[in-house]
């Protein structure tokens, strides 16, 4: 029952944070950029977490999504679920940048090939091999634009499926530090008669990948007569796709010296088309396996538990993982602070509100909440000070009413 009550409280805080102010449910916006490198206009789909406000200084990691129009809705929904809904903090809130295709074969292949039966013919492969120019577009044009217009943090993830997975491997191997983490979904490692696979193996053996995370999802693309053991020794062209991925997976696991943080999974009940969703879910949980802050009912109800210290220690560890300071989400701390006020645990509540003031000094809401705390303990002068600070950042009728009542 205690766990249930705790879950309900967290869910309530989360739902309050996600409340909409109009009658529309909007998942994102469509931006565009004129690329000199690709010599074309590119549409970009953008999702920014609902917790962000125009006057807020809160910033977010960025997930770049290949085949963006195909996977945008599911990935955004998944990140919302894992980072906001029901109080979840399994992964951080993130900006999602979906990159739709104009010439998929050109952009998502690292080398030019004339044909590669049975997967592609000469017509399909005619424009292949533009992968490096596409990566250059992402690095030199797209990323700077995203960083200049949106509240980004340095942490970046690249996600791709099929030929997009091939691109993920190309970037991970040849442009490793461009992203912190990579989600590679059933990649087309058969490309160029597996020559790219061999190049990848060479790099995995020789380069240092410390600080880089890779998750590989493998679909079941075999027919009913084959299994995961038999297929490894099969030589038919029809199994070359899964054999190339299994070969990659096996090789990565032998290269412990390169420092790559790596995990993979074979999804026996998912084919090439269905595997992206479950892979993305498992990948996010793996990448951010230390991000989630776990606390108990006792943390809230027992005045002796130093909840603030637990938060500080946890986010110090998270900050080490990310490579920069990561603060507890403002909405989470705010909601917990009010719950502790209800319980008359004033000292603990005050310390939580102070965390938000320290971490989000340009947020009007943190000062309004801190003012409520001082009202609760009867410190009128401090409450007035907080409400004035809140209103100096942003005028709002609720805080103004509180202040006028005290003057």
Protein backbone atom coordinates (compact mmCIF):
# COMPACT_ATOMS: atom_id res chain seq x y z
CA UNK A 1 0.00 0.00 0.00
CA UNK A 2 2.84 2.39 0.86
CA UNK A 3 4.48 1.78 -2.52
CA UNK A 4 1.13 2.36 -4.22
CA UNK A 5 0.60 5.64 -2.37
CA UNK A 6 4.11 6.75 -3.29
CA UNK A 7 3.50 5.92 -6.95
CA UNK A 8 0.23 7.86 -6.92
CA UNK A 9 1.98 10.90 -5.43
CA UNK A 10 4.72 10.82 -8.04
CA UNK A 11 2.18 10.35 -10.84
CA UNK A 12 0.21 13.33 -9.55
CA UNK A 13 3.29 15.57 -9.61
CA UNK A 14 4.03 14.39 -13.13
CA UNK A 15 0.53 14.98 -14.46
CA UNK A 16 0.51 18.46 -12.99
CA UNK A 17 3.73 19.18 -14.81
CA UNK A 18 2.29 17.95 -18.12
CA UNK A 19 -0.99 19.89 -17.96
CA UNK A 20 -1.85 21.65 -21.23
CA UNK A 21 -3.01 25.23 -21.52
CA UNK A 22 -5.02 24.85 -24.72
CA UNK A 23 -7.15 22.25 -26.48
CA UNK A 24 -4.40 20.89 -28.72
CA UNK A 25 -2.06 17.97 -28.24
CA UNK A 26 1.11 18.93 -30.09
CA UNK A 27 3.98 16.50 -30.39
CA UNK A 28 6.49 18.79 -32.11
CA UNK A 29 7.27 21.23 -34.88
CA UNK A 30 8.70 21.02 -38.39
CA UNK A 31 11.80 23.13 -38.98
CA UNK A 32 13.93 23.32 -42.11
CA UNK A 33 17.50 24.07 -43.03
CA UNK A 34 19.11 24.94 -46.35
CA UNK A 35 22.12 22.67 -46.63
CA UNK A 36 25.08 23.88 -48.64
CA UNK A 37 26.79 20.54 -48.15
CA UNK A 38 23.88 18.53 -49.59
CA UNK A 39 22.72 21.36 -51.85
CA UNK A 40 19.07 20.99 -50.82
CA UNK A 41 16.44 22.08 -48.34
CA UNK A 42 16.01 19.59 -45.48
CA UNK A 43 12.99 19.38 -43.22
CA UNK A 44 13.68 18.57 -39.58
CA UNK A 45 11.11 17.35 -37.05
CA UNK A 46 11.69 18.73 -33.55
CA UNK A 47 10.29 17.71 -30.19
CA UNK A 48 11.08 19.79 -27.10
CA UNK A 49 9.91 18.53 -23.67
CA UNK A 50 6.75 20.15 -22.34
CA UNK A 51 8.59 21.15 -19.15
CA UNK A 52 10.53 23.76 -21.09
CA UNK A 53 9.33 27.35 -21.16
CA UNK A 54 10.57 30.22 -23.29
CA UNK A 55 12.06 32.02 -20.29
CA UNK A 56 13.50 28.86 -18.73
CA UNK A 57 17.18 28.00 -18.61
CA UNK A 58 16.55 24.25 -18.39
CA UNK A 59 18.40 22.30 -21.06
CA UNK A 60 18.12 18.75 -22.40
CA UNK A 61 20.15 15.95 -24.05
CA UNK A 62 19.40 15.50 -27.76
CA UNK A 63 18.45 12.32 -29.59
CA UNK A 64 19.03 12.48 -33.36
CA UNK A 65 16.74 10.08 -35.21
CA UNK A 66 17.40 8.78 -38.72
CA UNK A 67 14.37 7.92 -40.88
CA UNK A 68 12.84 10.57 -38.65
CA UNK A 69 9.36 10.65 -40.14
CA UNK A 70 8.98 6.90 -39.66
CA UNK A 71 10.02 6.70 -36.01
CA UNK A 72 9.38 10.19 -34.61
CA UNK A 73 6.00 9.55 -32.97
CA UNK A 74 6.99 6.31 -31.27
CA UNK A 75 10.34 7.56 -30.00
CA UNK A 76 8.92 10.82 -28.67
CA UNK A 77 6.09 8.96 -26.94
CA UNK A 78 8.53 6.49 -25.44
CA UNK A 79 10.80 9.21 -24.09
CA UNK A 80 7.80 11.02 -22.62
CA UNK A 81 6.70 7.81 -20.92
CA UNK A 82 10.15 7.00 -19.53
CA UNK A 83 11.00 10.53 -18.41
CA UNK A 84 7.72 12.18 -17.35
CA UNK A 85 4.55 10.08 -17.23
CA UNK A 86 3.68 8.59 -13.82
CA UNK A 87 6.72 10.30 -12.37
CA UNK A 88 9.13 8.13 -14.34
CA UNK A 89 12.79 9.16 -14.35
CA UNK A 90 14.15 6.09 -16.14
CA UNK A 91 15.73 8.38 -18.69
CA UNK A 92 16.05 12.17 -18.82
CA UNK A 93 13.68 14.35 -20.74
CA UNK A 94 15.20 14.86 -24.18
CA UNK A 95 14.92 16.89 -27.33
CA UNK A 96 14.28 14.67 -30.36
CA UNK A 97 15.52 15.71 -33.80
CA UNK A 98 13.94 13.60 -36.53
CA UNK A 99 15.70 13.69 -39.91
CA UNK A 100 13.32 12.67 -42.75
CA UNK A 101 14.83 11.37 -45.97
CA UNK A 102 15.18 12.96 -49.38
CA UNK A 103 17.45 10.34 -50.95
CA UNK A 104 17.72 7.55 -48.40
CA UNK A 105 20.12 5.37 -50.37
CA UNK A 106 22.48 8.28 -50.96
CA UNK A 107 22.56 9.54 -47.38
CA UNK A 108 22.50 6.31 -45.39
CA UNK A 109 25.21 4.32 -47.19
CA UNK A 110 28.94 4.77 -46.49
CA UNK A 111 30.27 3.55 -49.85
CA UNK A 112 29.08 3.35 -53.44
CA UNK A 113 28.16 -0.04 -54.84
CA UNK A 114 26.84 -0.99 -58.27
CA UNK A 115 24.60 -3.76 -56.96
CA UNK A 116 24.50 -6.30 -54.15
CA UNK A 117 22.08 -9.14 -54.87
CA UNK A 118 19.68 -10.18 -53.46
CA UNK A 119 19.28 -6.98 -51.46
CA UNK A 120 19.73 -4.21 -54.03
CA UNK A 121 19.95 -3.84 -57.79
CA UNK A 122 21.76 -1.23 -59.89
CA UNK A 123 18.76 1.09 -59.95
CA UNK A 124 18.51 1.14 -56.15
CA UNK A 125 22.24 1.66 -55.65
CA UNK A 126 22.69 4.35 -58.31
CA UNK A 127 23.05 7.22 -55.81
CA UNK A 128 24.66 5.20 -53.01
CA UNK A 129 27.77 6.25 -51.14
CA UNK A 130 26.87 9.73 -49.89
CA UNK A 131 27.09 8.80 -46.24
CA UNK A 132 30.12 10.93 -45.41
CA UNK A 133 28.55 14.06 -46.88
CA UNK A 134 25.40 13.34 -44.88
CA UNK A 135 27.42 13.01 -41.66
CA UNK A 136 29.16 16.26 -42.54
CA UNK A 137 25.74 17.89 -42.90
CA UNK A 138 24.74 16.66 -39.44
CA UNK A 139 28.00 17.79 -37.81
CA UNK A 140 28.59 21.13 -39.53
CA UNK A 141 25.10 22.40 -40.34
CA UNK A 142 22.36 20.58 -38.43
CA UNK A 143 23.94 20.32 -34.97
CA UNK A 144 25.01 23.99 -34.85
CA UNK A 145 21.49 25.05 -35.86
CA UNK A 146 19.85 22.85 -33.23
CA UNK A 147 22.24 24.08 -30.54
CA UNK A 148 21.60 27.72 -31.48
CA UNK A 149 17.79 27.51 -31.51
CA UNK A 150 16.91 24.94 -28.86
CA UNK A 151 17.80 24.35 -25.16
CA UNK A 152 20.37 21.61 -25.71
CA UNK A 153 22.88 19.98 -23.43
CA UNK A 154 26.11 18.43 -24.81
CA UNK A 155 24.89 14.82 -24.46
CA UNK A 156 23.83 13.40 -27.86
CA UNK A 157 22.45 10.06 -29.07
CA UNK A 158 22.22 8.81 -32.66
CA UNK A 159 19.54 6.25 -33.51
CA UNK A 160 19.04 4.38 -36.77
CA UNK A 161 17.38 1.28 -38.22
CA UNK A 162 18.36 -0.86 -41.23
CA UNK A 163 20.36 1.44 -43.54
CA UNK A 164 20.00 3.95 -40.71
CA UNK A 165 21.66 1.35 -38.47
CA UNK A 166 24.45 1.08 -41.03
CA UNK A 167 24.91 4.84 -40.75
CA UNK A 168 24.95 4.59 -36.95
CA UNK A 169 27.83 2.12 -37.18
CA UNK A 170 29.65 4.31 -39.69
CA UNK A 171 29.45 7.31 -37.37
CA UNK A 172 30.29 5.28 -34.27
CA UNK A 173 33.42 3.88 -35.94
CA UNK A 174 34.63 6.86 -37.96
CA UNK A 175 33.23 9.87 -36.07
CA UNK A 176 33.06 8.38 -32.60
CA UNK A 177 32.99 11.56 -30.50
CA UNK A 178 30.23 13.18 -32.54
CA UNK A 179 27.74 11.41 -30.26
CA UNK A 180 27.95 10.02 -26.75
CA UNK A 181 25.70 7.01 -27.38
CA UNK A 182 24.51 5.01 -30.36
CA UNK A 183 21.37 2.91 -30.86
CA UNK A 184 21.93 0.57 -33.79
CA UNK A 185 18.82 -1.35 -34.88
CA UNK A 186 19.15 -4.39 -37.15
CA UNK A 187 21.79 -2.66 -39.31
CA UNK A 188 22.44 -3.54 -42.94
CA UNK A 189 25.94 -4.84 -42.25
CA UNK A 190 25.77 -6.90 -45.45
CA UNK A 191 26.40 -3.65 -47.33
CA UNK A 192 29.10 -3.74 -50.00
CA UNK A 193 29.40 -7.51 -49.77
CA UNK A 194 30.39 -7.16 -46.10
CA UNK A 195 33.42 -5.00 -46.88
CA UNK A 196 32.13 -2.35 -44.52
CA UNK A 197 31.78 -5.01 -41.81
CA UNK A 198 35.44 -5.89 -42.21
CA UNK A 199 36.43 -2.21 -42.00
CA UNK A 200 34.32 -1.89 -38.86
CA UNK A 201 36.07 -4.83 -37.24
CA UNK A 202 39.47 -3.29 -37.94
CA UNK A 203 38.45 -0.04 -36.25
CA UNK A 204 36.96 -1.86 -33.27
CA UNK A 205 40.28 -3.58 -32.76
CA UNK A 206 42.52 -0.53 -33.16
CA UNK A 207 40.60 2.46 -31.76
CA UNK A 208 39.76 3.56 -28.23
CA UNK A 209 36.03 3.93 -27.57
CA UNK A 210 36.17 4.89 -23.89
CA UNK A 211 33.23 7.10 -22.99
CA UNK A 212 31.09 5.77 -25.86
CA UNK A 213 28.00 3.58 -25.49
CA UNK A 214 26.53 1.31 -28.17
CA UNK A 215 23.36 -0.77 -28.05
CA UNK A 216 22.69 -3.27 -30.87
CA UNK A 217 19.27 -4.76 -31.54
CA UNK A 218 19.07 -7.88 -33.72
CA UNK A 219 15.82 -8.98 -35.38
CA UNK A 220 14.77 -12.49 -36.32
CA UNK A 221 14.93 -12.40 -40.12
CA UNK A 222 15.32 -16.17 -40.59
CA UNK A 223 12.77 -18.53 -42.09
CA UNK A 224 11.16 -21.25 -39.97
CA UNK A 225 13.70 -23.91 -40.91
CA UNK A 226 16.58 -21.91 -39.45
CA UNK A 227 17.56 -21.04 -35.89
CA UNK A 228 20.10 -18.75 -34.25
CA UNK A 229 22.70 -21.52 -34.02
CA UNK A 230 22.33 -23.01 -37.49
CA UNK A 231 22.33 -19.67 -39.25
CA UNK A 232 25.86 -18.84 -38.16
CA UNK A 233 27.27 -21.55 -40.37
CA UNK A 234 24.81 -21.04 -43.22
CA UNK A 235 26.17 -19.67 -46.50
CA UNK A 236 23.00 -18.81 -48.40
CA UNK A 237 22.48 -15.23 -49.54
CA UNK A 238 19.11 -15.04 -47.81
CA UNK A 239 20.69 -15.19 -44.34
CA UNK A 240 23.51 -12.76 -45.05
CA UNK A 241 21.69 -9.93 -43.27
CA UNK A 242 21.39 -11.62 -39.88
CA UNK A 243 24.73 -13.41 -40.22
CA UNK A 244 26.53 -10.11 -40.75
CA UNK A 245 24.94 -8.63 -37.61
CA UNK A 246 25.66 -11.71 -35.51
CA UNK A 247 29.24 -11.60 -36.75
CA UNK A 248 29.50 -7.96 -35.71
CA UNK A 249 27.98 -8.69 -32.31
CA UNK A 250 30.34 -11.58 -31.64
CA UNK A 251 33.38 -9.55 -32.66
CA UNK A 252 32.51 -6.53 -30.53
CA UNK A 253 32.25 -8.77 -27.48
CA UNK A 254 35.81 -10.00 -28.02
CA UNK A 255 37.29 -6.49 -28.11
CA UNK A 256 37.20 -5.65 -24.42
CA UNK A 257 40.38 -3.57 -24.71
CA UNK A 258 38.74 -0.79 -26.73
CA UNK A 259 36.68 0.56 -23.80
CA UNK A 260 33.34 0.51 -25.60
CA UNK A 261 30.34 0.24 -23.28
CA UNK A 262 28.28 -2.29 -25.18
CA UNK A 263 25.15 -4.38 -24.96
CA UNK A 264 23.12 -6.31 -27.53
CA UNK A 265 20.00 -8.39 -27.69
CA UNK A 266 18.50 -10.84 -30.16
CA UNK A 267 14.73 -10.39 -30.43
CA UNK A 268 13.41 -13.78 -31.46
CA UNK A 269 9.79 -12.58 -31.69
CA UNK A 270 10.46 -9.48 -33.77
CA UNK A 271 11.25 -9.20 -37.44
CA UNK A 272 13.06 -6.40 -39.28
CA UNK A 273 9.97 -4.21 -39.32
CA UNK A 274 8.84 -4.58 -35.71
CA UNK A 275 12.20 -4.56 -33.92
CA UNK A 276 12.81 -0.77 -33.72
CA UNK A 277 10.29 -0.08 -30.95
CA UNK A 278 11.48 -2.68 -28.46
CA UNK A 279 15.15 -2.02 -29.27
CA UNK A 280 14.77 1.70 -28.62
CA UNK A 281 13.08 0.97 -25.30
CA UNK A 282 15.78 -1.45 -24.13
CA UNK A 283 18.54 0.81 -25.44
CA UNK A 284 17.33 3.84 -23.49
CA UNK A 285 17.16 1.75 -20.33
CA UNK A 286 20.70 0.49 -20.92
CA UNK A 287 22.19 3.88 -21.80
CA UNK A 288 20.61 5.54 -18.77
CA UNK A 289 20.71 2.60 -16.37
CA UNK A 290 22.14 4.79 -13.59
CA UNK A 291 19.98 7.83 -14.23
CA UNK A 292 16.84 6.85 -12.33
CA UNK A 293 16.56 8.14 -8.77
CA UNK A 294 14.97 5.53 -6.52
CA UNK A 295 13.46 6.49 -3.22
CA UNK A 296 11.13 4.82 -0.78
CA UNK A 297 8.01 5.80 1.10
CA UNK A 298 10.18 6.16 4.20
CA UNK A 299 12.27 8.79 2.41
CA UNK A 300 9.17 10.96 2.33
CA UNK A 301 7.57 10.15 5.67
CA UNK A 302 10.57 9.83 8.00
CA UNK A 303 11.95 13.26 9.05
CA UNK A 304 15.28 11.63 9.93
CA UNK A 305 15.98 10.54 6.34
CA UNK A 306 18.26 13.02 4.58
CA UNK A 307 16.47 13.03 1.22
CA UNK A 308 18.35 16.08 -0.02
CA UNK A 309 21.68 14.35 0.52
CA UNK A 310 20.44 11.31 -1.41
CA UNK A 311 19.46 13.54 -4.32
CA UNK A 312 22.78 15.36 -4.30
CA UNK A 313 24.86 12.16 -4.23
CA UNK A 314 22.79 10.54 -6.97
CA UNK A 315 23.04 13.47 -9.35
CA UNK A 316 26.75 13.82 -8.70
CA UNK A 317 27.11 10.29 -10.08
CA UNK A 318 24.80 11.08 -13.00
CA UNK A 319 26.86 14.18 -13.75
CA UNK A 320 30.00 12.05 -13.97
CA UNK A 321 28.23 9.79 -16.48
CA UNK A 322 27.12 12.71 -18.64
CA UNK A 323 30.34 14.68 -18.37
CA UNK A 324 28.67 17.86 -17.05
CA UNK A 325 26.43 18.94 -14.19
CA UNK A 326 22.99 17.31 -14.24
CA UNK A 327 20.44 18.68 -11.76
CA UNK A 328 17.31 16.99 -10.42
CA UNK A 329 14.24 17.93 -12.50
CA UNK A 330 12.66 21.12 -11.23
CA UNK A 331 9.11 19.73 -11.32
CA UNK A 332 10.04 16.60 -9.37
CA UNK A 333 11.75 18.52 -6.58
CA UNK A 334 8.94 21.06 -6.48
CA UNK A 335 6.25 18.40 -6.15
CA UNK A 336 8.11 16.57 -3.40
CA UNK A 337 8.64 19.83 -1.56
CA UNK A 338 4.92 20.54 -1.45
CA UNK A 339 4.19 16.99 -0.31
CA UNK A 340 6.59 17.46 2.61
CA UNK A 341 4.92 20.79 3.44
CA UNK A 342 1.63 18.90 3.70
CA UNK A 343 3.30 16.52 6.13
CA UNK A 344 4.66 19.48 8.12
CA UNK A 345 8.24 18.29 7.54
CA UNK A 346 9.30 21.88 7.13
CA UNK A 347 13.06 21.50 7.38
CA UNK A 348 13.18 18.80 4.69
CA UNK A 349 10.75 20.71 2.46
CA UNK A 350 12.80 23.89 2.78
CA UNK A 351 15.99 22.15 1.73
CA UNK A 352 14.28 20.71 -1.34
CA UNK A 353 12.93 24.10 -2.41
CA UNK A 354 16.41 25.55 -1.85
CA UNK A 355 17.86 22.94 -4.24
CA UNK A 356 15.58 24.29 -6.96
CA UNK A 357 16.53 27.88 -6.18
CA UNK A 358 20.21 26.96 -6.47
CA UNK A 359 19.79 24.89 -9.64
CA UNK A 360 17.20 27.00 -11.46
CA UNK A 361 17.83 30.60 -10.32
CA UNK A 362 16.14 32.08 -13.41
CA UNK A 363 12.87 30.21 -12.88
CA UNK A 364 10.09 32.33 -11.41
CA UNK A 365 8.33 29.22 -10.10
CA UNK A 366 11.13 28.16 -7.74
CA UNK A 367 10.89 31.47 -5.87
CA UNK A 368 7.11 31.28 -5.70
CA UNK A 369 7.40 27.81 -4.15
CA UNK A 370 10.15 28.93 -1.77
CA UNK A 371 7.87 31.79 -0.75
CA UNK A 372 5.11 29.31 0.06
CA UNK A 373 7.57 27.46 2.28
CA UNK A 374 8.42 30.61 4.23
CA UNK A 375 4.71 31.36 4.57
CA UNK A 376 4.21 27.90 6.04
CA UNK A 377 6.87 28.46 8.72
CA UNK A 378 5.68 32.00 9.46
CA UNK A 379 8.68 33.91 8.05
CA UNK A 380 6.81 36.82 6.46
CA UNK A 381 9.85 38.88 5.43
CA UNK A 382 11.51 35.95 3.62
CA UNK A 383 8.22 35.12 1.90
CA UNK A 384 7.90 38.71 0.66
CA UNK A 385 11.48 38.59 -0.59
CA UNK A 386 10.80 35.37 -2.55
CA UNK A 387 7.54 36.59 -4.09
CA UNK A 388 9.20 39.83 -5.18
CA UNK A 389 12.03 37.86 -6.76
CA UNK A 390 9.50 35.63 -8.53
CA UNK A 391 7.64 38.64 -9.95
CA UNK A 392 10.86 40.33 -11.03
CA UNK A 393 11.49 37.35 -13.29
CA UNK A 394 7.94 36.94 -14.56
CA UNK A 395 4.69 38.63 -13.65
CA UNK A 396 1.84 36.29 -12.72
CA UNK A 397 -1.45 37.01 -10.90
CA UNK A 398 -1.14 34.22 -8.33
CA UNK A 399 2.22 35.35 -6.96
CA UNK A 400 1.12 38.99 -7.11
CA UNK A 401 -1.93 38.16 -5.03
CA UNK A 402 0.22 36.42 -2.41
CA UNK A 403 2.58 39.37 -2.22
CA UNK A 404 -0.19 41.99 -1.94
CA UNK A 405 -1.75 40.03 0.88
CA UNK A 406 1.52 40.23 2.83
CA UNK A 407 2.18 43.95 2.26
